[in-house]
Amino acid sequence: MNVYEAILSRRSIRRFQQKSIPLELLKRFANGARLAPSAANLQPLEFFIVNDNSLCSKVFETLGWAAYIKPTWTPSEKERPVAYIIMLIRNPKNKYYLRDVSLASENIVLAAEEEGIGSCILCNVDKEKLRKYLKVPKSWIIDSVIVLGYKAEKSIVVDYKNSVKYWRDEKEVLHVPKRKLEDIIHINKF
């Protein structure tokens, strides 16, 4: 799979097979994040990999899921992520860290996609509870959590029609509205 194919096929996945991801792959994803562009090359990020089953259960407790899906939904025990990469900022004074987190996160999810591993970047996190579970020092910022696992659902892009809200159809396929390219691109004039 080339990079552009990975960009086109990657969607946020929220249901996973209960199959372990090799630690070497998780390290490879973190390495891809490490090599992402960094504003002024300050490199404020560090990456906390969780793949231990009992710790995965604790991380799962801290996460909010799929806000648009009603009634309120979370993955069942047989659909939960099997690994997490938590995005940490060791220098909260770095005013560019959000840009760095975004670039690094995209590298992680694209590298995962290349391996057939689904991902979802979650910002709805009980960060204080997560900090306690992972023993992250209070001086560090917990930004977000990337959930990972082999895909157990299909997610497709549909044309945006008056709402950005994603939904599942009767076959449990996730539909994600995206604006059309011709509606958002400006070439040489506005």
N, C-alpha and C. Protein backbone atom coordinates (compact mmCIF):
# COMPACT_ATOMS: atom_id res chain seq x y z
N MET A 1 0.86 -1.18 0.00
CA MET A 1 0.00 0.00 0.00
C MET A 1 0.90 1.24 0.00
N ASN A 2 0.65 2.16 -0.94
CA ASN A 2 1.43 3.39 -0.90
C ASN A 2 0.76 4.40 0.04
N VAL A 3 1.43 5.50 0.30
CA VAL A 3 0.94 6.47 1.28
C VAL A 3 -0.43 7.00 0.90
N TYR A 4 -0.61 7.38 -0.36
CA TYR A 4 -1.90 7.93 -0.77
C TYR A 4 -3.02 6.91 -0.62
N GLU A 5 -2.75 5.65 -0.93
CA GLU A 5 -3.76 4.60 -0.72
C GLU A 5 -4.12 4.48 0.76
N ALA A 6 -3.11 4.59 1.63
CA ALA A 6 -3.37 4.53 3.08
C ALA A 6 -4.23 5.71 3.52
N ILE A 7 -3.96 6.88 2.97
CA ILE A 7 -4.77 8.06 3.31
C ILE A 7 -6.21 7.84 2.88
N LEU A 8 -6.41 7.29 1.68
CA LEU A 8 -7.77 7.08 1.18
C LEU A 8 -8.52 5.99 1.95
N SER A 9 -7.81 4.96 2.40
CA SER A 9 -8.50 3.84 3.04
C SER A 9 -8.66 4.01 4.55
N ARG A 10 -7.84 4.83 5.20
CA ARG A 10 -7.89 4.96 6.65
C ARG A 10 -9.13 5.71 7.10
N ARG A 11 -9.85 5.11 7.99
CA ARG A 11 -11.01 5.71 8.66
C ARG A 11 -10.86 5.42 10.14
N SER A 12 -11.52 6.17 10.98
CA SER A 12 -11.53 5.87 12.41
C SER A 12 -12.31 4.58 12.64
N ILE A 13 -11.68 3.65 13.33
CA ILE A 13 -12.27 2.35 13.62
C ILE A 13 -12.49 2.27 15.13
N ARG A 14 -13.65 1.72 15.50
CA ARG A 14 -13.99 1.65 16.93
C ARG A 14 -14.35 0.24 17.39
N ARG A 15 -14.27 -0.73 16.50
CA ARG A 15 -14.50 -2.14 16.85
C ARG A 15 -13.30 -2.94 16.36
N PHE A 16 -12.77 -3.78 17.26
CA PHE A 16 -11.51 -4.46 16.98
C PHE A 16 -11.59 -5.95 17.27
N GLN A 17 -10.81 -6.71 16.50
CA GLN A 17 -10.62 -8.13 16.79
C GLN A 17 -9.76 -8.24 18.05
N GLN A 18 -9.91 -9.30 18.76
CA GLN A 18 -9.13 -9.50 19.99
C GLN A 18 -7.86 -10.29 19.68
N LYS A 19 -7.07 -9.74 18.78
CA LYS A 19 -5.81 -10.33 18.31
C LYS A 19 -4.70 -9.34 18.66
N SER A 20 -3.67 -9.82 19.34
CA SER A 20 -2.57 -8.95 19.77
C SER A 20 -1.82 -8.35 18.59
N ILE A 21 -1.34 -7.14 18.80
CA ILE A 21 -0.46 -6.48 17.83
C ILE A 21 0.97 -6.69 18.33
N PRO A 22 1.86 -7.19 17.49
CA PRO A 22 3.25 -7.38 17.93
C PRO A 22 3.86 -6.08 18.44
N LEU A 23 4.59 -6.17 19.54
CA LEU A 23 5.23 -5.00 20.13
C LEU A 23 6.13 -4.30 19.12
N GLU A 24 6.79 -5.05 18.28
CA GLU A 24 7.68 -4.43 17.28
C GLU A 24 6.90 -3.49 16.35
N LEU A 25 5.66 -3.86 16.01
CA LEU A 25 4.84 -2.96 15.19
C LEU A 25 4.48 -1.70 15.96
N LEU A 26 4.11 -1.85 17.22
CA LEU A 26 3.76 -0.68 18.03
C LEU A 26 4.96 0.26 18.16
N LYS A 27 6.14 -0.30 18.33
CA LYS A 27 7.36 0.52 18.37
C LYS A 27 7.61 1.19 17.03
N ARG A 28 7.32 0.48 15.95
CA ARG A 28 7.48 1.06 14.61
C ARG A 28 6.56 2.27 14.43
N PHE A 29 5.31 2.16 14.93
CA PHE A 29 4.37 3.28 14.84
C PHE A 29 4.90 4.48 15.64
N ALA A 30 5.42 4.21 16.85
CA ALA A 30 5.98 5.30 17.67
C ALA A 30 7.20 5.91 16.99
N ASN A 31 8.00 5.09 16.32
CA ASN A 31 9.15 5.61 15.61
C ASN A 31 8.71 6.53 14.46
N GLY A 32 7.65 6.14 13.77
CA GLY A 32 7.10 7.01 12.72
C GLY A 32 6.65 8.34 13.30
N ALA A 33 6.07 8.30 14.48
CA ALA A 33 5.65 9.54 15.16
C ALA A 33 6.86 10.37 15.56
N ARG A 34 7.88 9.72 16.04
CA ARG A 34 9.11 10.40 16.45
C ARG A 34 9.73 11.18 15.30
N LEU A 35 9.59 10.64 14.08
CA LEU A 35 10.21 11.24 12.91
C LEU A 35 9.31 12.26 12.20
N ALA A 36 8.13 12.50 12.74
CA ALA A 36 7.23 13.50 12.16
C ALA A 36 7.86 14.89 12.29
N PRO A 37 7.45 15.83 11.42
CA PRO A 37 7.94 17.19 11.58
C PRO A 37 7.62 17.72 12.98
N SER A 38 8.50 18.56 13.49
CA SER A 38 8.31 19.17 14.81
C SER A 38 8.65 20.66 14.69
N ALA A 39 7.74 21.51 15.14
CA ALA A 39 7.96 22.95 15.05
C ALA A 39 9.27 23.32 15.74
N ALA A 40 10.13 24.03 15.01
CA ALA A 40 11.46 24.45 15.47
C ALA A 40 12.30 23.25 15.91
N ASN A 41 11.89 22.04 15.51
CA ASN A 41 12.55 20.78 15.87
C ASN A 41 12.71 20.63 17.39
N LEU A 42 11.73 21.15 18.14
CA LEU A 42 11.81 21.09 19.61
C LEU A 42 11.48 19.71 20.17
N GLN A 43 10.76 18.89 19.42
CA GLN A 43 10.48 17.51 19.78
C GLN A 43 9.94 17.36 21.21
N PRO A 44 8.78 17.95 21.51
CA PRO A 44 8.24 17.91 22.87
C PRO A 44 7.49 16.62 23.21
N LEU A 45 7.33 15.73 22.24
CA LEU A 45 6.45 14.58 22.45
C LEU A 45 7.20 13.34 22.93
N GLU A 46 6.47 12.54 23.71
CA GLU A 46 6.89 11.18 24.02
C GLU A 46 5.65 10.30 23.88
N PHE A 47 5.85 9.00 23.77
CA PHE A 47 4.77 8.09 23.42
C PHE A 47 4.72 6.94 24.43
N PHE A 48 3.57 6.75 25.03
CA PHE A 48 3.38 5.70 26.03
C PHE A 48 2.59 4.57 25.38
N ILE A 49 3.25 3.45 25.16
CA ILE A 49 2.61 2.29 24.54
C ILE A 49 2.02 1.40 25.63
N VAL A 50 0.76 1.03 25.46
CA VAL A 50 0.10 0.10 26.39
C VAL A 50 -0.39 -1.09 25.58
N ASN A 51 0.08 -2.29 25.95
CA ASN A 51 -0.42 -3.51 25.30
C ASN A 51 -0.68 -4.64 26.30
N ASP A 52 -0.44 -4.38 27.58
CA ASP A 52 -0.74 -5.33 28.64
C ASP A 52 -2.26 -5.38 28.85
N ASN A 53 -2.84 -6.58 28.86
CA ASN A 53 -4.31 -6.72 28.93
C ASN A 53 -4.93 -6.00 30.11
N SER A 54 -4.37 -6.15 31.30
CA SER A 54 -4.99 -5.52 32.48
C SER A 54 -4.86 -4.01 32.41
N LEU A 55 -3.74 -3.51 31.93
CA LEU A 55 -3.57 -2.07 31.79
C LEU A 55 -4.44 -1.53 30.65
N CYS A 56 -4.61 -2.31 29.59
CA CYS A 56 -5.52 -1.91 28.50
C CYS A 56 -6.94 -1.71 29.05
N SER A 57 -7.38 -2.58 29.94
CA SER A 57 -8.71 -2.45 30.54
C SER A 57 -8.84 -1.16 31.32
N LYS A 58 -7.79 -0.79 32.03
CA LYS A 58 -7.82 0.47 32.79
C LYS A 58 -7.85 1.68 31.86
N VAL A 59 -7.03 1.64 30.80
CA VAL A 59 -7.04 2.76 29.84
C VAL A 59 -8.43 2.88 29.22
N PHE A 60 -9.04 1.76 28.87
CA PHE A 60 -10.37 1.76 28.25
C PHE A 60 -11.38 2.50 29.13
N GLU A 61 -11.28 2.32 30.45
CA GLU A 61 -12.20 2.98 31.39
C GLU A 61 -12.15 4.50 31.30
N THR A 62 -11.06 5.06 30.79
CA THR A 62 -10.88 6.51 30.77
C THR A 62 -11.38 7.16 29.48
N LEU A 63 -11.87 6.37 28.54
CA LEU A 63 -12.16 6.88 27.20
C LEU A 63 -13.64 7.11 26.94
N GLY A 64 -13.95 8.16 26.20
CA GLY A 64 -15.30 8.43 25.70
C GLY A 64 -15.34 8.04 24.23
N TRP A 65 -16.46 7.46 23.81
CA TRP A 65 -16.54 6.86 22.47
C TRP A 65 -17.67 7.43 21.62
N ALA A 66 -17.41 7.64 20.34
CA ALA A 66 -18.40 7.85 19.27
C ALA A 66 -19.57 8.73 19.69
N ALA A 67 -19.30 9.98 19.91
CA ALA A 67 -20.31 10.90 20.43
C ALA A 67 -21.57 11.01 19.56
N TYR A 68 -21.45 10.82 18.25
CA TYR A 68 -22.62 10.95 17.38
C TYR A 68 -23.52 9.72 17.37
N ILE A 69 -22.99 8.58 17.79
CA ILE A 69 -23.79 7.34 17.75
C ILE A 69 -24.75 7.33 18.93
N LYS A 70 -26.00 7.19 18.64
CA LYS A 70 -27.05 7.16 19.67
C LYS A 70 -27.83 5.86 19.56
N PRO A 71 -28.26 5.25 20.65
CA PRO A 71 -27.97 5.68 22.03
C PRO A 71 -26.47 5.57 22.31
N THR A 72 -26.07 6.13 23.45
CA THR A 72 -24.66 6.13 23.83
C THR A 72 -24.07 4.75 23.63
N TRP A 73 -22.88 4.72 23.03
CA TRP A 73 -22.28 3.46 22.62
C TRP A 73 -20.81 3.42 23.04
N THR A 74 -20.37 2.23 23.44
CA THR A 74 -18.95 1.94 23.62
C THR A 74 -18.69 0.52 23.10
N PRO A 75 -17.48 0.22 22.71
CA PRO A 75 -17.19 -1.14 22.24
C PRO A 75 -17.48 -2.17 23.34
N SER A 76 -18.00 -3.31 22.93
CA SER A 76 -18.22 -4.40 23.89
C SER A 76 -16.86 -4.97 24.29
N GLU A 77 -16.86 -5.83 25.28
CA GLU A 77 -15.61 -6.43 25.74
C GLU A 77 -14.91 -7.20 24.62
N LYS A 78 -15.68 -7.74 23.67
CA LYS A 78 -15.10 -8.51 22.56
C LYS A 78 -14.72 -7.63 21.37
N GLU A 79 -14.85 -6.30 21.52
CA GLU A 79 -14.54 -5.36 20.43
C GLU A 79 -13.51 -4.31 20.83
N ARG A 80 -13.02 -4.38 22.03
CA ARG A 80 -12.15 -3.32 22.55
C ARG A 80 -10.78 -3.29 21.87
N PRO A 81 -10.13 -2.13 21.90
CA PRO A 81 -8.77 -2.03 21.38
C PRO A 81 -7.85 -2.98 22.14
N VAL A 82 -6.80 -3.43 21.46
CA VAL A 82 -5.83 -4.33 22.09
C VAL A 82 -4.52 -3.61 22.42
N ALA A 83 -4.42 -2.34 22.00
CA ALA A 83 -3.22 -1.55 22.30
C ALA A 83 -3.58 -0.07 22.21
N TYR A 84 -2.76 0.71 22.87
CA TYR A 84 -2.94 2.17 22.89
C TYR A 84 -1.58 2.83 22.77
N ILE A 85 -1.57 3.99 22.12
CA ILE A 85 -0.41 4.87 22.18
C ILE A 85 -0.92 6.21 22.70
N ILE A 86 -0.40 6.58 23.87
CA ILE A 86 -0.82 7.83 24.51
C ILE A 86 0.19 8.90 24.14
N MET A 87 -0.34 10.03 23.68
CA MET A 87 0.50 11.15 23.25
C MET A 87 0.78 12.04 24.46
N LEU A 88 2.06 12.14 24.81
CA LEU A 88 2.50 12.91 25.97
C LEU A 88 3.34 14.10 25.55
N ILE A 89 3.20 15.20 26.28
CA ILE A 89 4.01 16.39 26.04
C ILE A 89 4.85 16.62 27.29
N ARG A 90 6.16 16.57 27.11
CA ARG A 90 7.04 16.74 28.26
C ARG A 90 7.35 18.19 28.55
N ASN A 91 7.07 19.06 27.59
CA ASN A 91 7.35 20.49 27.79
C ASN A 91 6.09 21.29 27.50
N PRO A 92 5.25 21.52 28.51
CA PRO A 92 3.99 22.24 28.28
C PRO A 92 4.17 23.70 27.88
N LYS A 93 5.38 24.24 28.01
CA LYS A 93 5.63 25.63 27.60
C LYS A 93 5.80 25.77 26.09
N ASN A 94 5.95 24.66 25.40
CA ASN A 94 6.10 24.68 23.95
C ASN A 94 4.75 25.04 23.34
N LYS A 95 4.63 26.23 22.77
CA LYS A 95 3.34 26.70 22.25
C LYS A 95 2.91 26.02 20.96
N TYR A 96 3.78 25.19 20.37
CA TYR A 96 3.47 24.52 19.11
C TYR A 96 3.12 23.04 19.28
N TYR A 97 3.03 22.56 20.52
CA TYR A 97 2.92 21.11 20.71
C TYR A 97 1.68 20.51 20.06
N LEU A 98 0.58 21.25 19.95
CA LEU A 98 -0.62 20.69 19.32
C LEU A 98 -0.38 20.34 17.85
N ARG A 99 0.38 21.17 17.17
CA ARG A 99 0.73 20.89 15.78
C ARG A 99 1.60 19.63 15.70
N ASP A 100 2.54 19.53 16.62
CA ASP A 100 3.41 18.35 16.65
C ASP A 100 2.61 17.08 16.94
N VAL A 101 1.66 17.15 17.89
CA VAL A 101 0.82 16.00 18.20
C VAL A 101 0.03 15.58 16.96
N SER A 102 -0.51 16.55 16.24
CA SER A 102 -1.30 16.24 15.05
C SER A 102 -0.47 15.53 13.99
N LEU A 103 0.70 16.04 13.73
CA LEU A 103 1.57 15.43 12.71
C LEU A 103 2.02 14.03 13.13
N ALA A 104 2.40 13.88 14.38
CA ALA A 104 2.85 12.57 14.88
C ALA A 104 1.70 11.57 14.88
N SER A 105 0.51 12.02 15.28
CA SER A 105 -0.66 11.13 15.31
C SER A 105 -0.98 10.60 13.92
N GLU A 106 -0.93 11.48 12.94
CA GLU A 106 -1.21 11.05 11.57
C GLU A 106 -0.20 10.00 11.11
N ASN A 107 1.06 10.17 11.47
CA ASN A 107 2.06 9.15 11.10
C ASN A 107 1.72 7.82 11.73
N ILE A 108 1.27 7.82 12.99
CA ILE A 108 0.91 6.57 13.66
C ILE A 108 -0.25 5.89 12.94
N VAL A 109 -1.32 6.63 12.68
CA VAL A 109 -2.50 5.98 12.09
C VAL A 109 -2.26 5.53 10.66
N LEU A 110 -1.42 6.23 9.91
CA LEU A 110 -1.10 5.79 8.55
C LEU A 110 -0.20 4.56 8.56
N ALA A 111 0.76 4.52 9.48
CA ALA A 111 1.61 3.33 9.59
C ALA A 111 0.77 2.13 10.02
N ALA A 112 -0.19 2.35 10.90
CA ALA A 112 -1.09 1.27 11.33
C ALA A 112 -1.94 0.79 10.15
N GLU A 113 -2.46 1.72 9.39
CA GLU A 113 -3.29 1.36 8.23
C GLU A 113 -2.52 0.49 7.25
N GLU A 114 -1.26 0.82 7.02
CA GLU A 114 -0.43 0.02 6.12
C GLU A 114 -0.36 -1.44 6.57
N GLU A 115 -0.44 -1.67 7.88
CA GLU A 115 -0.37 -3.02 8.44
C GLU A 115 -1.74 -3.67 8.61
N GLY A 116 -2.80 -2.99 8.15
CA GLY A 116 -4.15 -3.52 8.30
C GLY A 116 -4.70 -3.37 9.71
N ILE A 117 -4.12 -2.46 10.46
CA ILE A 117 -4.54 -2.22 11.85
C ILE A 117 -5.38 -0.96 11.89
N GLY A 118 -6.55 -1.08 12.51
CA GLY A 118 -7.45 0.05 12.66
C GLY A 118 -7.02 0.95 13.80
N SER A 119 -7.46 2.20 13.72
CA SER A 119 -7.08 3.18 14.74
C SER A 119 -8.17 4.21 14.90
N CYS A 120 -8.13 4.89 16.02
CA CYS A 120 -9.01 6.03 16.26
C CYS A 120 -8.29 6.93 17.26
N ILE A 121 -8.22 8.21 16.95
CA ILE A 121 -7.59 9.19 17.84
C ILE A 121 -8.67 9.74 18.75
N LEU A 122 -8.52 9.55 20.05
CA LEU A 122 -9.52 10.00 21.01
C LEU A 122 -8.97 11.13 21.87
N CYS A 123 -9.76 12.19 21.96
CA CYS A 123 -9.43 13.31 22.84
C CYS A 123 -10.38 13.37 24.03
N ASN A 124 -11.48 12.62 23.97
CA ASN A 124 -12.43 12.54 25.08
C ASN A 124 -11.89 11.51 26.08
N VAL A 125 -11.00 12.00 26.95
CA VAL A 125 -10.25 11.14 27.86
C VAL A 125 -10.30 11.73 29.26
N ASP A 126 -10.56 10.88 30.26
CA ASP A 126 -10.43 11.31 31.65
C ASP A 126 -8.93 11.30 31.96
N LYS A 127 -8.30 12.42 31.72
CA LYS A 127 -6.84 12.49 31.77
C LYS A 127 -6.28 12.31 33.18
N GLU A 128 -7.00 12.76 34.18
CA GLU A 128 -6.51 12.58 35.54
C GLU A 128 -6.55 11.12 35.97
N LYS A 129 -7.60 10.42 35.59
CA LYS A 129 -7.68 8.99 35.89
C LYS A 129 -6.59 8.24 35.11
N LEU A 130 -6.40 8.61 33.85
CA LEU A 130 -5.36 7.98 33.03
C LEU A 130 -3.98 8.26 33.62
N ARG A 131 -3.75 9.49 34.05
CA ARG A 131 -2.48 9.87 34.67
C ARG A 131 -2.18 8.97 35.87
N LYS A 132 -3.23 8.74 36.68
CA LYS A 132 -3.09 7.89 37.87
C LYS A 132 -2.73 6.45 37.48
N TYR A 133 -3.46 5.90 36.51
CA TYR A 133 -3.22 4.52 36.09
C TYR A 133 -1.81 4.33 35.52
N LEU A 134 -1.36 5.31 34.73
CA LEU A 134 -0.08 5.17 34.04
C LEU A 134 1.10 5.79 34.80
N LYS A 135 0.77 6.46 35.91
CA LYS A 135 1.81 7.12 36.74
C LYS A 135 2.58 8.18 35.94
N VAL A 136 1.86 8.94 35.14
CA VAL A 136 2.46 10.02 34.37
C VAL A 136 2.66 11.22 35.30
N PRO A 137 3.87 11.80 35.34
CA PRO A 137 4.11 12.94 36.23
C PRO A 137 3.16 14.10 35.93
N LYS A 138 2.79 14.82 36.97
CA LYS A 138 1.83 15.94 36.84
C LYS A 138 2.36 17.06 35.96
N SER A 139 3.67 17.16 35.80
CA SER A 139 4.26 18.22 34.98
C SER A 139 4.11 17.94 33.48
N TRP A 140 3.67 16.74 33.12
CA TRP A 140 3.51 16.37 31.72
C TRP A 140 2.06 16.53 31.31
N ILE A 141 1.83 16.81 30.04
CA ILE A 141 0.47 16.89 29.49
C ILE A 141 0.14 15.58 28.81
N ILE A 142 -1.03 15.04 29.16
CA ILE A 142 -1.58 13.91 28.40
C ILE A 142 -2.50 14.55 27.36
N ASP A 143 -2.14 14.41 26.10
CA ASP A 143 -2.92 15.08 25.05
C ASP A 143 -4.08 14.23 24.55
N SER A 144 -3.79 13.02 24.11
CA SER A 144 -4.79 12.18 23.46
C SER A 144 -4.35 10.73 23.52
N VAL A 145 -5.28 9.86 23.11
CA VAL A 145 -5.01 8.43 23.10
C VAL A 145 -5.34 7.89 21.72
N ILE A 146 -4.41 7.16 21.13
CA ILE A 146 -4.68 6.49 19.86
C ILE A 146 -4.96 5.04 20.18
N VAL A 147 -6.17 4.60 19.85
CA VAL A 147 -6.57 3.22 20.10
C VAL A 147 -6.25 2.41 18.85
N LEU A 148 -5.83 1.15 19.07
CA LEU A 148 -5.36 0.33 17.97
C LEU A 148 -5.85 -1.11 18.09
N GLY A 149 -6.07 -1.73 16.94
CA GLY A 149 -6.43 -3.14 16.89
C GLY A 149 -6.74 -3.53 15.46
N TYR A 150 -6.70 -4.84 15.20
CA TYR A 150 -7.08 -5.31 13.87
C TYR A 150 -8.58 -5.05 13.70
N LYS A 151 -8.96 -4.56 12.55
CA LYS A 151 -10.32 -4.08 12.30
C LYS A 151 -11.38 -5.17 12.42
N ALA A 152 -12.48 -4.79 13.10
CA ALA A 152 -13.64 -5.68 13.20
C ALA A 152 -14.89 -4.95 12.72
N GLU A 153 -14.69 -3.87 11.97
CA GLU A 153 -15.82 -3.15 11.37
C GLU A 153 -15.35 -2.49 10.10
N LYS A 154 -16.31 -2.10 9.31
CA LYS A 154 -16.03 -1.39 8.07
C LYS A 154 -16.52 0.04 8.23
N SER A 155 -15.75 0.97 7.72
CA SER A 155 -16.10 2.39 7.76
C SER A 155 -15.92 2.94 6.35
N ILE A 156 -16.92 3.63 5.84
CA ILE A 156 -16.85 4.17 4.48
C ILE A 156 -17.13 5.66 4.46
N VAL A 157 -16.58 6.32 3.46
CA VAL A 157 -16.82 7.74 3.25
C VAL A 157 -18.08 7.90 2.40
N VAL A 158 -18.93 8.85 2.80
CA VAL A 158 -20.10 9.22 2.02
C VAL A 158 -20.06 10.73 1.82
N ASP A 159 -20.77 11.21 0.82
CA ASP A 159 -20.80 12.65 0.56
C ASP A 159 -21.51 13.38 1.70
N TYR A 160 -20.92 14.49 2.10
CA TYR A 160 -21.49 15.36 3.12
C TYR A 160 -22.80 15.94 2.60
N LYS A 161 -23.85 15.85 3.43
CA LYS A 161 -25.15 16.44 3.09
C LYS A 161 -25.74 17.07 4.35
N ASN A 162 -25.36 18.29 4.63
CA ASN A 162 -25.91 19.07 5.74
C ASN A 162 -25.56 18.61 7.13
N SER A 163 -24.74 17.59 7.30
CA SER A 163 -24.35 17.14 8.63
C SER A 163 -23.03 16.38 8.58
N VAL A 164 -22.21 16.62 9.60
CA VAL A 164 -20.95 15.90 9.72
C VAL A 164 -21.10 14.64 10.56
N LYS A 165 -22.27 14.39 11.10
CA LYS A 165 -22.48 13.27 12.01
C LYS A 165 -22.36 11.93 11.29
N TYR A 166 -21.51 11.08 11.81
CA TYR A 166 -21.36 9.73 11.26
C TYR A 166 -22.45 8.85 11.84
N TRP A 167 -22.74 7.73 11.17
CA TRP A 167 -23.78 6.82 11.61
C TRP A 167 -23.49 5.41 11.14
N ARG A 168 -24.17 4.45 11.76
CA ARG A 168 -24.09 3.06 11.34
C ARG A 168 -25.40 2.68 10.67
N ASP A 169 -25.28 1.94 9.57
CA ASP A 169 -26.50 1.48 8.89
C ASP A 169 -26.96 0.15 9.50
N GLU A 170 -27.99 -0.44 8.89
CA GLU A 170 -28.58 -1.68 9.42
C GLU A 170 -27.60 -2.86 9.38
N LYS A 171 -26.54 -2.76 8.56
CA LYS A 171 -25.52 -3.82 8.51
C LYS A 171 -24.33 -3.48 9.40
N GLU A 172 -24.47 -2.42 10.21
CA GLU A 172 -23.43 -1.97 11.14
C GLU A 172 -22.19 -1.39 10.45
N VAL A 173 -22.35 -0.96 9.18
CA VAL A 173 -21.27 -0.27 8.48
C VAL A 173 -21.29 1.19 8.91
N LEU A 174 -20.14 1.71 9.28
CA LEU A 174 -20.03 3.10 9.71
C LEU A 174 -19.91 4.00 8.48
N HIS A 175 -20.77 5.01 8.38
CA HIS A 175 -20.77 5.98 7.29
C HIS A 175 -20.24 7.30 7.83
N VAL A 176 -19.22 7.84 7.15
CA VAL A 176 -18.57 9.06 7.60
C VAL A 176 -18.70 10.13 6.51
N PRO A 177 -19.52 11.17 6.74
CA PRO A 177 -19.67 12.23 5.74
C PRO A 177 -18.40 13.07 5.59
N LYS A 178 -18.00 13.29 4.36
CA LYS A 178 -16.86 14.16 4.05
C LYS A 178 -17.28 15.12 2.93
N ARG A 179 -16.83 16.35 3.03
CA ARG A 179 -17.12 17.34 1.99
C ARG A 179 -16.40 16.94 0.70
N LYS A 180 -17.02 17.24 -0.44
CA LYS A 180 -16.43 16.93 -1.75
C LYS A 180 -15.25 17.85 -2.02
N LEU A 181 -14.25 17.31 -2.71
CA LEU A 181 -13.06 18.07 -3.03
C LEU A 181 -13.41 19.36 -3.77
N GLU A 182 -14.30 19.27 -4.76
CA GLU A 182 -14.63 20.46 -5.55
C GLU A 182 -15.33 21.55 -4.72
N ASP A 183 -15.84 21.20 -3.55
CA ASP A 183 -16.49 22.18 -2.68
C ASP A 183 -15.52 22.87 -1.74
N ILE A 184 -14.29 22.37 -1.65
CA ILE A 184 -13.36 22.93 -0.66
C ILE A 184 -12.04 23.40 -1.25
N ILE A 185 -11.86 23.23 -2.55
CA ILE A 185 -10.58 23.57 -3.15
C ILE A 185 -10.69 24.88 -3.94
N HIS A 186 -9.66 25.71 -3.82
CA HIS A 186 -9.59 26.99 -4.53
C HIS A 186 -8.27 26.98 -5.30
N ILE A 187 -8.31 27.20 -6.60
CA ILE A 187 -7.11 27.15 -7.41
C ILE A 187 -6.87 28.52 -8.03
N ASN A 188 -5.83 29.16 -7.58
CA ASN A 188 -5.38 30.44 -8.09
C ASN A 188 -6.33 31.61 -7.86
N LYS A 189 -7.48 31.38 -7.27
CA LYS A 189 -8.40 32.48 -6.91
C LYS A 189 -9.41 31.93 -5.92
N PHE A 190 -10.02 32.84 -5.17
CA PHE A 190 -11.02 32.43 -4.19
C PHE A 190 -12.39 32.44 -4.82
